[in-house]
Protein backbone atom coordinates (compact mmCIF):
# COMPACT_ATOMS: atom_id res chain seq x y z
CA MET A 1 5.62 3.68 -14.45
CA ILE A 2 6.36 0.12 -15.57
CA ASN A 3 10.01 1.01 -16.21
CA ASN A 4 10.26 2.29 -12.65
CA ASN A 5 8.86 -1.02 -11.37
CA TYR A 6 11.43 -2.85 -13.48
CA ASN A 7 14.23 -0.76 -12.00
CA LYS A 8 13.00 -1.35 -8.44
CA LEU A 9 12.87 -5.10 -8.98
CA TYR A 10 16.35 -5.26 -10.53
CA LEU A 11 17.70 -3.44 -7.47
CA TYR A 12 17.13 -6.57 -5.37
CA SER A 13 16.61 -9.58 -7.66
CA GLN A 14 20.03 -9.91 -9.32
CA ASN A 15 21.26 -12.67 -6.99
CA LEU A 16 17.96 -14.50 -6.53
CA SER A 17 16.33 -17.55 -8.12
CA ILE A 18 12.75 -17.99 -9.31
CA LEU A 19 10.74 -21.04 -10.40
CA VAL A 20 7.88 -20.62 -12.90
CA VAL A 21 5.31 -23.46 -12.86
CA GLU A 22 2.77 -22.95 -15.65
CA ASP A 23 1.29 -25.43 -18.12
CA TYR A 24 0.25 -22.81 -20.71
CA LYS A 25 3.42 -22.58 -22.79
CA PRO A 26 2.96 -19.05 -24.28
CA LEU A 27 2.54 -17.54 -20.80
CA ARG A 28 5.33 -19.67 -19.35
CA ASP A 29 7.73 -18.61 -22.11
CA ASP A 30 6.77 -14.96 -21.70
CA LEU A 31 7.43 -15.04 -17.96
CA ILE A 32 10.73 -16.87 -18.41
CA GLU A 33 11.92 -14.38 -21.02
CA THR A 34 10.96 -11.47 -18.77
CA PHE A 35 12.47 -12.88 -15.58
CA GLU A 36 15.78 -13.73 -17.24
CA ASN A 37 16.47 -9.98 -17.35
CA PHE A 38 16.23 -9.72 -13.57
CA PHE A 39 16.94 -12.96 -11.73
CA ASP A 40 20.21 -14.85 -11.46
CA GLU A 41 18.50 -18.19 -12.08
CA VAL A 42 15.14 -18.80 -13.77
CA LEU A 43 13.80 -22.34 -13.56
CA PHE A 44 10.56 -23.60 -15.05
CA ALA A 45 8.16 -26.53 -15.07
CA SER A 46 5.03 -27.39 -17.05
CA ASP A 47 3.04 -29.02 -14.24
CA GLY A 48 2.97 -29.40 -10.46
CA GLU A 49 4.76 -32.75 -10.37
CA GLU A 50 7.62 -31.40 -12.47
CA GLY A 51 7.66 -28.21 -10.39
CA LEU A 52 8.01 -30.16 -7.13
CA CYS A 53 10.79 -32.29 -8.64
CA THR A 54 12.63 -29.16 -9.85
CA TYR A 55 12.26 -27.59 -6.39
CA ARG A 56 13.72 -30.64 -4.64
CA ASN A 57 16.56 -31.05 -7.13
CA TYR A 58 17.54 -27.40 -6.78
CA TYR A 59 18.00 -27.86 -3.04
CA LYS A 60 20.02 -31.04 -3.55
CA THR A 61 22.33 -29.23 -5.99
CA HIS A 62 22.66 -25.86 -4.24
CA SER A 63 21.97 -26.70 -0.57
CA LYS A 64 19.45 -23.86 -0.46
CA TYR A 65 15.86 -23.32 -1.52
CA ILE A 66 14.63 -21.44 -4.58
CA ASP A 67 13.89 -17.88 -3.48
CA ILE A 68 10.50 -17.37 -5.19
CA VAL A 69 8.00 -19.80 -6.73
CA ILE A 70 5.27 -18.52 -9.06
CA SER A 71 2.60 -21.06 -10.03
CA ASP A 72 -0.65 -21.56 -11.87
CA ILE A 73 -3.51 -23.45 -10.17
CA HIS A 74 -4.91 -25.77 -12.86
CA MET A 75 -2.15 -28.10 -14.10
CA PRO A 76 -1.92 -31.78 -15.02
CA HIS A 77 -0.45 -34.47 -12.75
CA LYS A 78 -0.40 -32.19 -9.69
CA ASN A 79 -2.29 -28.90 -9.37
CA GLY A 80 -1.06 -25.71 -7.76
CA VAL A 81 -2.67 -26.41 -4.38
CA GLU A 82 -1.13 -29.88 -4.14
CA MET A 83 2.31 -28.72 -5.24
CA SER A 84 2.29 -25.67 -2.94
CA THR A 85 1.21 -27.80 0.02
CA GLU A 86 4.12 -30.19 -0.52
CA ILE A 87 6.59 -27.32 -1.02
CA ARG A 88 5.38 -25.69 2.21
CA ASP A 89 5.85 -29.04 3.99
CA ILE A 90 9.48 -28.98 2.82
CA ASN A 91 10.03 -25.28 3.54
CA PRO A 92 7.28 -23.55 5.59
CA HIS A 93 8.73 -20.13 4.76
CA GLN A 94 8.80 -20.52 0.98
CA ASN A 95 7.66 -17.45 -0.98
CA ILE A 96 4.91 -18.56 -3.39
CA ILE A 97 2.88 -16.38 -5.76
CA ILE A 98 -0.25 -17.96 -7.20
CA LEU A 99 -1.65 -17.00 -10.63
CA SER A 100 -5.43 -17.20 -10.39
CA ALA A 101 -8.41 -16.60 -12.66
CA HIS A 102 -11.74 -15.30 -11.38
CA SER A 103 -13.12 -18.84 -11.64
CA ASP A 104 -10.47 -20.08 -9.17
CA LYS A 105 -12.08 -18.54 -6.07
CA GLU A 106 -12.98 -21.98 -4.68
CA TYR A 107 -9.24 -22.78 -4.42
CA LEU A 108 -8.09 -19.60 -2.69
CA LEU A 109 -9.17 -20.67 0.79
CA SER A 110 -7.03 -23.79 0.43
CA PHE A 111 -4.00 -21.63 -0.32
CA ILE A 112 -4.74 -19.34 2.62
CA ASP A 113 -4.97 -22.41 4.88
CA ILE A 114 -1.37 -23.30 4.01
CA GLY A 115 -0.19 -19.72 4.52
CA ILE A 116 -0.16 -18.39 0.96
CA THR A 117 -1.78 -14.98 0.57
CA LYS A 118 -0.05 -13.65 -2.54
CA PHE A 119 -2.26 -13.91 -5.62
CA ILE A 120 -1.95 -12.34 -9.07
CA SER A 121 -5.10 -12.32 -11.18
CA LYS A 122 -5.14 -13.50 -14.78
CA PRO A 123 -4.74 -11.94 -17.26
CA ILE A 124 -1.57 -10.77 -15.54
CA ASP A 125 -1.08 -7.06 -14.88
CA LYS A 126 2.72 -6.76 -14.96
CA LEU A 127 2.65 -3.62 -12.83
CA ILE A 128 1.07 -5.63 -10.02
CA LEU A 129 3.30 -8.65 -10.65
CA PHE A 130 6.50 -6.61 -10.52
CA GLU A 131 5.33 -4.77 -7.42
CA GLU A 132 4.85 -8.08 -5.61
CA LEU A 133 8.15 -9.49 -6.89
CA TYR A 134 9.93 -6.32 -5.76
CA LYS A 135 8.65 -6.69 -2.19
CA LEU A 136 9.62 -10.36 -2.00
CA SER A 137 13.02 -9.75 -3.60
CA MET A 138 13.82 -6.96 -1.16
CA GLN A 139 12.94 -9.21 1.78
CA GLU A 140 15.09 -12.05 0.43
CA SER A 141 18.02 -9.73 -0.31
CA ILE A 142 18.03 -8.39 3.23
CA LYS A 143 17.68 -11.92 4.65
CA GLU A 144 20.64 -13.06 2.54
CA ASN A 145 22.80 -10.27 3.95
CA GLU A 146 21.74 -11.22 7.48
CA ASN A 147 22.59 -14.88 6.97
CA LYS A 148 25.95 -14.22 5.35
CA ASN A 149 27.10 -11.87 8.07
CA SER A 150 25.50 -13.41 11.19
CA HIS A 151 23.22 -10.38 11.32
CA ILE A 152 26.18 -7.99 11.50
CA ILE A 153 27.36 -5.88 8.56
CA TYR A 154 30.85 -4.46 9.00
CA LEU A 155 31.28 -1.08 7.38
CA ASP A 156 34.51 0.90 7.06
CA TYR A 157 36.25 2.99 9.74
CA GLY A 158 35.11 0.78 12.63
CA TYR A 159 31.38 1.12 11.92
CA SER A 160 29.03 -1.87 12.02
CA TRP A 161 25.30 -2.42 11.52
CA ASN A 162 23.17 -4.98 13.36
CA PHE A 163 20.32 -6.01 11.02
CA ASN A 164 18.29 -7.74 13.72
CA LYS A 165 18.34 -4.87 16.19
CA GLN A 166 18.69 -2.09 13.58
CA ILE A 167 21.56 -0.55 15.56
CA LEU A 168 24.63 1.31 14.28
CA PHE A 169 27.92 1.14 16.20
CA LYS A 170 31.22 3.00 15.91
CA ASP A 171 33.64 0.52 17.45
CA GLU A 172 31.65 -0.29 20.61
CA LYS A 173 29.81 3.02 20.84
CA LEU A 174 26.11 3.17 19.91
CA ILE A 175 25.24 5.80 17.30
CA ASP A 176 21.76 7.27 17.80
CA LEU A 177 19.63 7.25 14.61
CA THR A 178 16.12 8.46 13.87
CA LYS A 179 13.55 6.01 12.46
CA TYR A 180 13.97 7.65 9.04
CA GLU A 181 17.76 7.37 9.14
CA ILE A 182 17.47 3.69 10.10
CA ILE A 183 15.29 2.94 7.06
CA ILE A 184 17.60 4.81 4.68
CA LEU A 185 20.78 3.28 6.08
CA GLU A 186 19.37 -0.25 5.98
CA LEU A 187 18.42 0.21 2.32
CA LEU A 188 21.85 1.63 1.42
CA ILE A 189 23.65 -1.17 3.28
CA SER A 190 21.57 -3.89 1.62
CA LYS A 191 22.57 -2.44 -1.76
CA LYS A 192 26.08 -1.28 -0.96
CA ASN A 193 27.97 0.32 -3.85
CA ILE A 194 24.77 0.38 -5.93
CA ILE A 195 22.81 3.57 -6.60
CA CYS A 196 19.49 3.92 -4.75
CA THR A 197 17.16 6.48 -6.30
CA ASN A 198 14.78 8.78 -4.45
CA ASN A 199 11.95 6.56 -5.67
CA ASP A 200 13.63 3.51 -4.11
CA ILE A 201 13.89 5.33 -0.80
CA LEU A 202 10.32 6.63 -0.97
CA TYR A 203 9.03 3.14 -1.70
CA VAL A 204 10.76 1.67 1.35
CA PHE A 205 9.20 4.42 3.48
CA TYR A 206 5.87 3.49 1.93
CA LEU A 207 6.36 -0.18 2.90
CA HIS A 208 7.01 0.99 6.49
CA LYS A 209 3.83 3.10 6.29
CA TYR A 210 5.70 6.41 6.68
CA GLU A 211 4.63 9.37 4.58
CA VAL A 212 7.75 11.21 3.46
CA GLN A 213 7.99 13.83 0.73
CA GLU A 214 10.72 13.47 -1.88
CA SER A 215 11.93 16.97 -0.97
CA ASN A 216 12.70 15.75 2.57
CA ILE A 217 14.98 12.87 1.52
CA ARG A 218 17.97 15.15 1.01
CA ASN A 219 17.57 16.51 4.53
CA HIS A 220 17.46 13.00 6.04
CA ILE A 221 20.54 12.02 4.03
CA PHE A 222 22.36 15.16 5.21
CA LYS A 223 21.65 14.35 8.86
CA LEU A 224 22.67 10.70 8.37
CA ARG A 225 25.94 11.78 6.76
CA ARG A 226 26.84 13.75 9.87
CA LYS A 227 26.83 10.48 11.83
CA LEU A 228 29.02 8.61 9.34
CA PRO A 229 32.40 9.25 7.65
CA SER A 230 31.88 12.06 5.14
CA THR A 231 32.82 9.91 2.13
CA MET A 232 30.65 6.88 2.97
CA ILE A 233 27.41 8.13 1.40
CA LYS A 234 27.96 9.49 -2.10
CA SER A 235 25.46 11.61 -4.03
CA VAL A 236 25.22 10.64 -7.69
CA TYR A 237 23.97 13.68 -9.56
CA GLY A 238 20.59 13.13 -11.14
CA SER A 239 20.44 9.51 -9.96
CA GLY A 240 20.44 9.09 -6.18
CA TYR A 241 22.76 7.89 -3.43
CA THR A 242 25.13 5.02 -2.85
CA LEU A 243 26.94 3.66 0.20
CA LEU A 244 30.63 3.24 -0.57
CA ILE A 245 32.18 0.52 1.55
CA SER A 246 34.87 -2.02 0.83
CA SER A 247 34.04 -5.71 0.41
CA LYS A 248 33.99 -7.66 3.64
């Protein structure tokens, strides 16, 4: 189970950055070592003041914000509430995961007031942590594709996909898709040329609150293929499916 969660996270996190703010060095080092296997950049800080400084400096250097911040609550110089409040003042849409102990309940309302609702209890259950990181990474990966392509992804053979409207075109003609085909195609496009397993597809259906049996995925793929060039969606025996399109 945990290996599957690892695989799902890696599917989306490879180009993302994460900041770990934790004053307890053994836990901080463990998280850094783990995240280095998945994220493009792993930054860290030992307290809230250092975390805020690292966050600001990253933007100055890269002209973009860190994708995910994960922080403890009790830290010297500036605690997790204070740091998160200042980060949200800089970027109201920042993804922040808070590590909280049972004794931290008095602080949770303060986080909710500033729009943070993602909490991981200590001691950390990595299954839960990786599940939350997977959801955030998928959202950021799709957003990145939208920003890079002005919400339009150009496929081969005159096909294009509008991320905002979830519409497929062939030249200027609209291609009618079912809600299931839209979800599958969006996943395949966001991870073009990378294999998506049945479990990846099932999980995205789960996030959309659709109950789909694994045995039905092949049928949805078959129907989607009939609306695309025959070579665009490739079956990888024993692994899953991949969308083969040239770089744009």
